PDB file of N, CA and C in Angstrom:
ATOM      1  N   MET A   1      -1.995  14.660  11.884  1.00  0.00           N
ATOM      2  CA  MET A   1      -2.379  13.554  11.036  1.00  0.00           C
ATOM      3  C   MET A   1      -1.253  12.528  11.072  1.00  0.00           C
ATOM      4  N   PRO A   2      -1.556  11.288  11.449  1.00  0.00           N
ATOM      5  CA  PRO A   2      -0.512  10.267  11.518  1.00  0.00           C
ATOM      6  C   PRO A   2       0.014   9.895  10.131  1.00  0.00           C
ATOM      7  N   LYS A   3       1.264   9.542  10.099  1.00  0.00           N
ATOM      8  CA  LYS A   3       1.886   9.010   8.890  1.00  0.00           C
ATOM      9  C   LYS A   3       2.062   7.516   9.118  1.00  0.00           C
ATOM     10  N   ILE A   4       1.877   6.741   8.052  1.00  0.00           N
ATOM     11  CA  ILE A   4       2.059   5.300   8.148  1.00  0.00           C
ATOM     12  C   ILE A   4       3.057   4.841   7.095  1.00  0.00           C
ATOM     13  N   VAL A   5       3.608   3.669   7.340  1.00  0.00           N
ATOM     14  CA  VAL A   5       4.465   2.988   6.383  1.00  0.00           C
ATOM     15  C   VAL A   5       3.833   1.618   6.136  1.00  0.00           C
ATOM     16  N   VAL A   6       3.658   1.272   4.869  1.00  0.00           N
ATOM     17  CA  VAL A   6       3.114  -0.030   4.494  1.00  0.00           C
ATOM     18  C   VAL A   6       4.209  -0.773   3.745  1.00  0.00           C
ATOM     19  N   THR A   7       4.519  -1.994   4.179  1.00  0.00           N
ATOM     20  CA  THR A   7       5.529  -2.799   3.495  1.00  0.00           C
ATOM     21  C   THR A   7       4.886  -4.061   2.943  1.00  0.00           C
ATOM     22  N   ALA A   8       5.466  -4.557   1.858  1.00  0.00           N
ATOM     23  CA  ALA A   8       4.951  -5.773   1.228  1.00  0.00           C
ATOM     24  C   ALA A   8       6.009  -6.331   0.289  1.00  0.00           C
ATOM     25  N   ALA A   9       5.764  -7.539  -0.149  1.00  0.00           N
ATOM     26  CA  ALA A   9       6.523  -8.117  -1.252  1.00  0.00           C
ATOM     27  C   ALA A   9       5.646  -7.985  -2.491  1.00  0.00           C
ATOM     28  N   VAL A  10       6.273  -7.850  -3.647  1.00  0.00           N
ATOM     29  CA  VAL A  10       5.536  -7.755  -4.903  1.00  0.00           C
ATOM     30  C   VAL A  10       6.134  -8.712  -5.922  1.00  0.00           C
ATOM     31  N   LYS A  11       5.328  -9.064  -6.894  1.00  0.00           N
ATOM     32  CA  LYS A  11       5.796  -9.979  -7.936  1.00  0.00           C
ATOM     33  C   LYS A  11       6.852  -9.324  -8.814  1.00  0.00           C
ATOM     34  N   ASP A  12       6.670  -8.043  -9.135  1.00  0.00           N
ATOM     35  CA  ASP A  12       7.563  -7.321 -10.030  1.00  0.00           C
ATOM     36  C   ASP A  12       7.637  -5.867  -9.559  1.00  0.00           C
ATOM     37  N   VAL A  13       8.788  -5.449  -9.081  1.00  0.00           N
ATOM     38  CA  VAL A  13       8.944  -4.110  -8.514  1.00  0.00           C
ATOM     39  C   VAL A  13       8.653  -3.032  -9.552  1.00  0.00           C
ATOM     40  N   GLU A  14       9.192  -3.168 -10.750  1.00  0.00           N
ATOM     41  CA  GLU A  14       8.978  -2.143 -11.778  1.00  0.00           C
ATOM     42  C   GLU A  14       7.500  -2.034 -12.155  1.00  0.00           C
ATOM     43  N   ALA A  15       6.804  -3.159 -12.250  1.00  0.00           N
ATOM     44  CA  ALA A  15       5.368  -3.130 -12.547  1.00  0.00           C
ATOM     45  C   ALA A  15       4.608  -2.453 -11.412  1.00  0.00           C
ATOM     46  N   TRP A  16       4.984  -2.748 -10.162  1.00  0.00           N
ATOM     47  CA  TRP A  16       4.331  -2.128  -9.005  1.00  0.00           C
ATOM     48  C   TRP A  16       4.493  -0.617  -9.061  1.00  0.00           C
ATOM     49  N   LEU A  17       5.692  -0.144  -9.401  1.00  0.00           N
ATOM     50  CA  LEU A  17       5.928   1.293  -9.473  1.00  0.00           C
ATOM     51  C   LEU A  17       5.061   1.956 -10.548  1.00  0.00           C
ATOM     52  N   LYS A  18       4.794   1.279 -11.631  1.00  0.00           N
ATOM     53  CA  LYS A  18       3.964   1.835 -12.704  1.00  0.00           C
ATOM     54  C   LYS A  18       2.512   2.000 -12.274  1.00  0.00           C
ATOM     55  N   PHE A  19       2.083   1.268 -11.254  1.00  0.00           N
ATOM     56  CA  PHE A  19       0.708   1.352 -10.777  1.00  0.00           C
ATOM     57  C   PHE A  19       0.502   2.448  -9.734  1.00  0.00           C
ATOM     58  N   LYS A  20       1.528   3.254  -9.462  1.00  0.00           N
ATOM     59  CA  LYS A  20       1.408   4.268  -8.413  1.00  0.00           C
ATOM     60  C   LYS A  20       0.185   5.175  -8.594  1.00  0.00           C
ATOM     61  N   PRO A  21      -0.089   5.716  -9.790  1.00  0.00           N
ATOM     62  CA  PRO A  21      -1.287   6.574  -9.915  1.00  0.00           C
ATOM     63  C   PRO A  21      -2.582   5.839  -9.553  1.00  0.00           C
ATOM     64  N   GLN A  22      -2.697   4.575  -9.930  1.00  0.00           N
ATOM     65  CA  GLN A  22      -3.894   3.811  -9.589  1.00  0.00           C
ATOM     66  C   GLN A  22      -3.958   3.525  -8.092  1.00  0.00           C
ATOM     67  N   LEU A  23      -2.808   3.254  -7.486  1.00  0.00           N
ATOM     68  CA  LEU A  23      -2.763   2.992  -6.048  1.00  0.00           C
ATOM     69  C   LEU A  23      -3.186   4.234  -5.273  1.00  0.00           C
ATOM     70  N   ILE A  24      -2.692   5.388  -5.695  1.00  0.00           N
ATOM     71  CA  ILE A  24      -3.081   6.640  -5.039  1.00  0.00           C
ATOM     72  C   ILE A  24      -4.591   6.858  -5.172  1.00  0.00           C
ATOM     73  N   ALA A  25      -5.129   6.613  -6.354  1.00  0.00           N
ATOM     74  CA  ALA A  25      -6.574   6.759  -6.548  1.00  0.00           C
ATOM     75  C   ALA A  25      -7.350   5.782  -5.669  1.00  0.00           C
ATOM     76  N   GLN A  26      -6.860   4.548  -5.581  1.00  0.00           N
ATOM     77  CA  GLN A  26      -7.533   3.513  -4.784  1.00  0.00           C
ATOM     78  C   GLN A  26      -7.597   3.900  -3.305  1.00  0.00           C
ATOM     79  N   LEU A  27      -6.530   4.525  -2.804  1.00  0.00           N
ATOM     80  CA  LEU A  27      -6.458   4.856  -1.377  1.00  0.00           C
ATOM     81  C   LEU A  27      -6.870   6.290  -1.064  1.00  0.00           C
ATOM     82  N   SER A  28      -7.230   7.074  -2.071  1.00  0.00           N
ATOM     83  CA  SER A  28      -7.485   8.500  -1.856  1.00  0.00           C
ATOM     84  C   SER A  28      -8.599   8.784  -0.847  1.00  0.00           C
ATOM     85  N   ALA A  29      -9.515   7.869  -0.668  1.00  0.00           N
ATOM     86  CA  ALA A  29     -10.590   8.089   0.303  1.00  0.00           C
ATOM     87  C   ALA A  29     -10.099   7.977   1.743  1.00  0.00           C
ATOM     88  N   VAL A  30      -8.964   7.284   1.955  1.00  0.00           N
ATOM     89  CA  VAL A  30      -8.505   7.034   3.326  1.00  0.00           C
ATOM     90  C   VAL A  30      -7.062   7.464   3.581  1.00  0.00           C
ATOM     91  N   ALA A  31      -6.338   7.902   2.534  1.00  0.00           N
ATOM     92  CA  ALA A  31      -4.936   8.280   2.717  1.00  0.00           C
ATOM     93  C   ALA A  31      -4.525   9.267   1.630  1.00  0.00           C
ATOM     94  N   SER A  32      -3.491  10.062   1.930  1.00  0.00           N
ATOM     95  CA  SER A  32      -2.992  11.030   0.957  1.00  0.00           C
ATOM     96  C   SER A  32      -1.475  11.087   1.020  1.00  0.00           C
ATOM     97  N   ASP A  33      -0.901  11.794   0.056  1.00  0.00           N
ATOM     98  CA  ASP A  33       0.546  12.032   0.014  1.00  0.00           C
ATOM     99  C   ASP A  33       1.343  10.733   0.011  1.00  0.00           C
ATOM    100  N   GLY A  34       0.994   9.812  -0.887  1.00  0.00           N
ATOM    101  CA  GLY A  34       1.681   8.529  -0.978  1.00  0.00           C
ATOM    102  C   GLY A  34       3.037   8.646  -1.640  1.00  0.00           C
ATOM    103  N   THR A  35       4.034   8.018  -1.040  1.00  0.00           N
ATOM    104  CA  THR A  35       5.388   7.964  -1.582  1.00  0.00           C
ATOM    105  C   THR A  35       5.826   6.509  -1.618  1.00  0.00           C
ATOM    106  N   SER A  36       6.448   6.109  -2.716  1.00  0.00           N
ATOM    107  CA  SER A  36       6.865   4.713  -2.901  1.00  0.00           C
ATOM    108  C   SER A  36       8.364   4.543  -2.658  1.00  0.00           C
ATOM    109  N   TYR A  37       8.720   3.352  -2.138  1.00  0.00           N
ATOM    110  CA  TYR A  37      10.118   3.014  -1.868  1.00  0.00           C
ATOM    111  C   TYR A  37      10.374   1.577  -2.316  1.00  0.00           C
ATOM    112  N   VAL A  38      11.592   1.324  -2.766  1.00  0.00           N
ATOM    113  CA  VAL A  38      11.987  -0.039  -3.125  1.00  0.00           C
ATOM    114  C   VAL A  38      13.213  -0.420  -2.303  1.00  0.00           C
ATOM    115  N   ALA A  39      13.378  -1.715  -2.084  1.00  0.00           N
ATOM    116  CA  ALA A  39      14.517  -2.199  -1.312  1.00  0.00           C
ATOM    117  C   ALA A  39      15.815  -1.951  -2.073  1.00  0.00           C
ATOM    118  N   ASN A  40      16.801  -1.473  -1.388  1.00  0.00           N
ATOM    119  CA  ASN A  40      18.098  -1.173  -1.995  1.00  0.00           C
ATOM    120  C   ASN A  40      18.847  -2.435  -2.403  1.00  0.00           C
ATOM    121  N   ASP A  41      18.469  -3.563  -1.829  1.00  0.00           N
ATOM    122  CA  ASP A  41      19.189  -4.813  -2.119  1.00  0.00           C
ATOM    123  C   ASP A  41      18.704  -5.511  -3.385  1.00  0.00           C
ATOM    124  N   GLY A  42      17.757  -4.901  -4.096  1.00  0.00           N
ATOM    125  CA  GLY A  42      17.259  -5.487  -5.332  1.00  0.00           C
ATOM    126  C   GLY A  42      16.213  -6.574  -5.135  1.00  0.00           C
ATOM    127  N   SER A  43      15.773  -6.780  -3.898  1.00  0.00           N
ATOM    128  CA  SER A  43      14.746  -7.793  -3.626  1.00  0.00           C
ATOM    129  C   SER A  43      13.379  -7.290  -4.080  1.00  0.00           C
ATOM    130  N   ASN A  44      12.366  -8.091  -3.862  1.00  0.00           N
ATOM    131  CA  ASN A  44      11.007  -7.717  -4.262  1.00  0.00           C
ATOM    132  C   ASN A  44      10.240  -7.033  -3.138  1.00  0.00           C
ATOM    133  N   ARG A  45      10.925  -6.515  -2.132  1.00  0.00           N
ATOM    134  CA  ARG A  45      10.280  -5.815  -1.020  1.00  0.00           C
ATOM    135  C   ARG A  45      10.095  -4.343  -1.367  1.00  0.00           C
ATOM    136  N   VAL A  46       8.903  -3.825  -1.066  1.00  0.00           N
ATOM    137  CA  VAL A  46       8.587  -2.422  -1.326  1.00  0.00           C
ATOM    138  C   VAL A  46       7.909  -1.827  -0.096  1.00  0.00           C
ATOM    139  N   ALA A  47       7.831  -0.504  -0.098  1.00  0.00           N
ATOM    140  CA  ALA A  47       7.154   0.198   0.993  1.00  0.00           C
ATOM    141  C   ALA A  47       6.521   1.455   0.421  1.00  0.00           C
ATOM    142  N   SER A  48       5.549   1.957   1.141  1.00  0.00           N
ATOM    143  CA  SER A  48       4.968   3.256   0.806  1.00  0.00           C
ATOM    144  C   SER A  48       4.618   3.963   2.105  1.00  0.00           C
ATOM    145  N   THR A  49       4.696   5.288   2.064  1.00  0.00           N
ATOM    146  CA  THR A  49       4.287   6.088   3.217  1.00  0.00           C
ATOM    147  C   THR A  49       3.060   6.888   2.824  1.00  0.00           C
ATOM    148  N   TRP A  50       2.197   7.123   3.809  1.00  0.00           N
ATOM    149  CA  TRP A  50       0.929   7.815   3.572  1.00  0.00           C
ATOM    150  C   TRP A  50       0.581   8.675   4.772  1.00  0.00           C
ATOM    151  N   ASP A  51      -0.104   9.782   4.522  1.00  0.00           N
ATOM    152  CA  ASP A  51      -0.749  10.550   5.586  1.00  0.00           C
ATOM    153  C   ASP A  51      -2.171  10.024   5.695  1.00  0.00           C
ATOM    154  N   VAL A  52      -2.594   9.758   6.927  1.00  0.00           N
ATOM    155  CA  VAL A  52      -3.898   9.121   7.137  1.00  0.00           C
ATOM    156  C   VAL A  52      -4.729   9.954   8.114  1.00  0.00           C
ATOM    157  N   PRO A  53      -5.761  10.650   7.607  1.00  0.00           N
ATOM    158  CA  PRO A  53      -6.581  11.471   8.499  1.00  0.00           C
ATOM    159  C   PRO A  53      -7.491  10.662   9.417  1.00  0.00           C
ATOM    160  N   ASP A  54      -7.931   9.489   8.971  1.00  0.00           N
ATOM    161  CA  ASP A  54      -8.838   8.657   9.757  1.00  0.00           C
ATOM    162  C   ASP A  54      -8.271   7.238   9.805  1.00  0.00           C
ATOM    163  N   MET A  55      -7.536   6.943  10.861  1.00  0.00           N
ATOM    164  CA  MET A  55      -6.834   5.661  10.960  1.00  0.00           C
ATOM    165  C   MET A  55      -7.800   4.484  10.942  1.00  0.00           C
ATOM    166  N   GLU A  56      -8.945   4.604  11.591  1.00  0.00           N
ATOM    167  CA  GLU A  56      -9.905   3.498  11.597  1.00  0.00           C
ATOM    168  C   GLU A  56     -10.391   3.178  10.192  1.00  0.00           C
ATOM    169  N   ALA A  57     -10.674   4.205   9.399  1.00  0.00           N
ATOM    170  CA  ALA A  57     -11.120   3.988   8.023  1.00  0.00           C
ATOM    171  C   ALA A  57     -10.015   3.346   7.188  1.00  0.00           C
ATOM    172  N   PHE A  58      -8.768   3.802   7.395  1.00  0.00           N
ATOM    173  CA  PHE A  58      -7.658   3.227   6.639  1.00  0.00           C
ATOM    174  C   PHE A  58      -7.467   1.758   6.992  1.00  0.00           C
ATOM    175  N   LEU A  59      -7.438   1.459   8.275  1.00  0.00           N
ATOM    176  CA  LEU A  59      -7.218   0.073   8.702  1.00  0.00           C
ATOM    177  C   LEU A  59      -8.352  -0.835   8.237  1.00  0.00           C
ATOM    178  N   ALA A  60      -9.569  -0.324   8.232  1.00  0.00           N
ATOM    179  CA  ALA A  60     -10.697  -1.128   7.740  1.00  0.00           C
ATOM    180  C   ALA A  60     -10.502  -1.440   6.257  1.00  0.00           C
ATOM    181  N   ALA A  61     -10.064  -0.448   5.479  1.00  0.00           N
ATOM    182  CA  ALA A  61      -9.839  -0.658   4.047  1.00  0.00           C
ATOM    183  C   ALA A  61      -8.664  -1.607   3.813  1.00  0.00           C
ATOM    184  N   GLN A  62      -7.585  -1.439   4.566  1.00  0.00           N
ATOM    185  CA  GLN A  62      -6.390  -2.263   4.405  1.00  0.00           C
ATOM    186  C   GLN A  62      -6.593  -3.694   4.869  1.00  0.00           C
ATOM    187  N   SER A  63      -7.377  -3.866   5.906  1.00  0.00           N
ATOM    188  CA  SER A  63      -7.488  -5.206   6.487  1.00  0.00           C
ATOM    189  C   SER A  63      -8.595  -6.021   5.847  1.00  0.00           C
ATOM    190  N   ALA A  64      -9.110  -5.552   4.736  1.00  0.00           N
ATOM    191  CA  ALA A  64     -10.198  -6.274   4.084  1.00  0.00           C
ATOM    192  C   ALA A  64      -9.744  -6.907   2.768  1.00  0.00           C
ATOM    193  N   PRO A  65      -8.576  -7.601   2.759  1.00  0.00           N
ATOM    194  CA  PRO A  65      -8.140  -8.200   1.501  1.00  0.00           C
ATOM    195  C   PRO A  65      -9.079  -9.298   1.035  1.00  0.00           C
ATOM    196  N   SER A  66      -9.964  -9.738   1.922  1.00  0.00           N
ATOM    197  CA  SER A  66     -10.923 -10.753   1.505  1.00  0.00           C
ATOM    198  C   SER A  66     -12.068 -10.144   0.703  1.00  0.00           C
ATOM    199  N   SER A  67     -12.199  -8.794   0.762  1.00  0.00           N
ATOM    200  CA  SER A  67     -13.228  -8.171  -0.066  1.00  0.00           C
ATOM    201  C   SER A  67     -12.790  -8.280  -1.520  1.00  0.00           C
ATOM    202  N   PRO A  68     -13.732  -8.514  -2.409  1.00  0.00           N
ATOM    203  CA  PRO A  68     -13.366  -8.673  -3.822  1.00  0.00           C
ATOM    204  C   PRO A  68     -12.615  -7.467  -4.390  1.00  0.00           C
ATOM    205  N   GLU A  69     -13.012  -6.260  -3.993  1.00  0.00           N
ATOM    206  CA  GLU A  69     -12.365  -5.064  -4.521  1.00  0.00           C
ATOM    207  C   GLU A  69     -10.909  -4.968  -4.087  1.00  0.00           C
ATOM    208  N   MET A  70     -10.647  -5.164  -2.786  1.00  0.00           N
ATOM    209  CA  MET A  70      -9.269  -5.057  -2.293  1.00  0.00           C
ATOM    210  C   MET A  70      -8.418  -6.209  -2.829  1.00  0.00           C
ATOM    211  N   ALA A  71      -8.962  -7.405  -2.887  1.00  0.00           N
ATOM    212  CA  ALA A  71      -8.209  -8.545  -3.419  1.00  0.00           C
ATOM    213  C   ALA A  71      -7.841  -8.308  -4.878  1.00  0.00           C
ATOM    214  N   ALA A  72      -8.763  -7.754  -5.649  1.00  0.00           N
ATOM    215  CA  ALA A  72      -8.489  -7.468  -7.058  1.00  0.00           C
ATOM    216  C   ALA A  72      -7.419  -6.391  -7.199  1.00  0.00           C
ATOM    217  N   ALA A  73      -7.484  -5.363  -6.351  1.00  0.00           N
ATOM    218  CA  ALA A  73      -6.479  -4.301  -6.402  1.00  0.00           C
ATOM    219  C   ALA A  73      -5.101  -4.845  -6.052  1.00  0.00           C
ATOM    220  N   MET A  74      -5.011  -5.654  -5.013  1.00  0.00           N
ATOM    221  CA  MET A  74      -3.716  -6.232  -4.626  1.00  0.00           C
ATOM    222  C   MET A  74      -3.158  -7.095  -5.749  1.00  0.00           C
ATOM    223  N   GLU A  75      -4.018  -7.834  -6.415  1.00  0.00           N
ATOM    224  CA  GLU A  75      -3.580  -8.671  -7.535  1.00  0.00           C
ATOM    225  C   GLU A  75      -3.078  -7.805  -8.688  1.00  0.00           C
ATOM    226  N   ARG A  76      -3.817  -6.746  -9.025  1.00  0.00           N
ATOM    227  CA  ARG A  76      -3.406  -5.834 -10.105  1.00  0.00           C
ATOM    228  C   ARG A  76      -2.039  -5.228  -9.834  1.00  0.00           C
ATOM    229  N   TYR A  77      -1.790  -4.847  -8.583  1.00  0.00           N
ATOM    230  CA  TYR A  77      -0.528  -4.200  -8.222  1.00  0.00           C
ATOM    231  C   TYR A  77       0.585  -5.211  -7.973  1.00  0.00           C
ATOM    232  N   GLY A  78       0.276  -6.495  -8.066  1.00  0.00           N
ATOM    233  CA  GLY A  78       1.296  -7.528  -7.893  1.00  0.00           C
ATOM    234  C   GLY A  78       1.731  -7.732  -6.453  1.00  0.00           C
ATOM    235  N   MET A  79       0.911  -7.300  -5.521  1.00  0.00           N
ATOM    236  CA  MET A  79       1.272  -7.420  -4.100  1.00  0.00           C
ATOM    237  C   MET A  79       1.061  -8.845  -3.619  1.00  0.00           C
ATOM    238  N   ILE A  80       2.004  -9.304  -2.805  1.00  0.00           N
ATOM    239  CA  ILE A  80       1.949 -10.641  -2.243  1.00  0.00           C
ATOM    240  C   ILE A  80       1.623 -10.503  -0.755  1.00  0.00           C
ATOM    241  N   PRO A  81       0.440 -10.960  -0.323  1.00  0.00           N
ATOM    242  CA  PRO A  81       0.098 -10.858   1.106  1.00  0.00           C
ATOM    243  C   PRO A  81       1.084 -11.649   1.956  1.00  0.00           C
ATOM    244  N   PRO A  82       1.283 -11.230   3.174  1.00  0.00           N
ATOM    245  CA  PRO A  82       0.601 -10.136   3.863  1.00  0.00           C
ATOM    246  C   PRO A  82       1.333  -8.810   3.679  1.00  0.00           C
ATOM    247  N   THR A  83       0.629  -7.726   3.951  1.00  0.00           N
ATOM    248  CA  THR A  83       1.256  -6.423   4.050  1.00  0.00           C
ATOM    249  C   THR A  83       1.421  -6.116   5.535  1.00  0.00           C
ATOM    250  N   THR A  84       2.376  -5.248   5.855  1.00  0.00           N
ATOM    251  CA  THR A  84       2.576  -4.823   7.232  1.00  0.00           C
ATOM    252  C   THR A  84       2.420  -3.316   7.282  1.00  0.00           C
ATOM    253  N   VAL A  85       1.648  -2.821   8.256  1.00  0.00           N
ATOM    254  CA  VAL A  85       1.415  -1.390   8.406  1.00  0.00           C
ATOM    255  C   VAL A  85       2.084  -0.927   9.701  1.00  0.00           C
ATOM    256  N   TYR A  86       2.928   0.102   9.586  1.00  0.00           N
ATOM    257  CA  TYR A  86       3.567   0.731  10.741  1.00  0.00           C
ATOM    258  C   TYR A  86       2.966   2.115  10.904  1.00  0.00           C
ATOM    259  N   VAL A  87       2.621   2.487  12.146  1.00  0.00           N
ATOM    260  CA  VAL A  87       1.956   3.755  12.429  1.00  0.00           C
ATOM    261  C   VAL A  87       2.889   4.665  13.197  1.00  0.00           C
ATOM    262  N   GLU A  88       2.989   5.905  12.755  1.00  0.00           N
ATOM    263  CA  GLU A  88       3.802   6.912  13.442  1.00  0.00           C
ATOM    264  C   GLU A  88       3.235   7.161  14.830  1.00  0.00           C
ATOM    265  N   LYS A  89       4.075   7.183  15.826  1.00  0.00           N
ATOM    266  CA  LYS A  89       3.657   7.464  17.208  1.00  0.00           C
ATOM    267  C   LYS A  89       4.389   8.670  17.737  1.00  0.00           C
TER     268      LYS A  89
END
């Protein structure tokens, strides 16, 4: 199962961290074992790692920020587009 890293900027790092349970629930259909990371320099950059059993399903869900559901979730979590996804090879 591939592991991925997702990076983004957020409006408020502490608020983003508080949304971790909701983020895990939001992605549970396409990813598991989510871990959150914050930039050591105190900036607003964050990352998360995930195990992804079906990469096509994950990428379809991630690349649909224009869908009302994904756009609303990104807004709730304070994420500032774009996000970058790195895939384990």
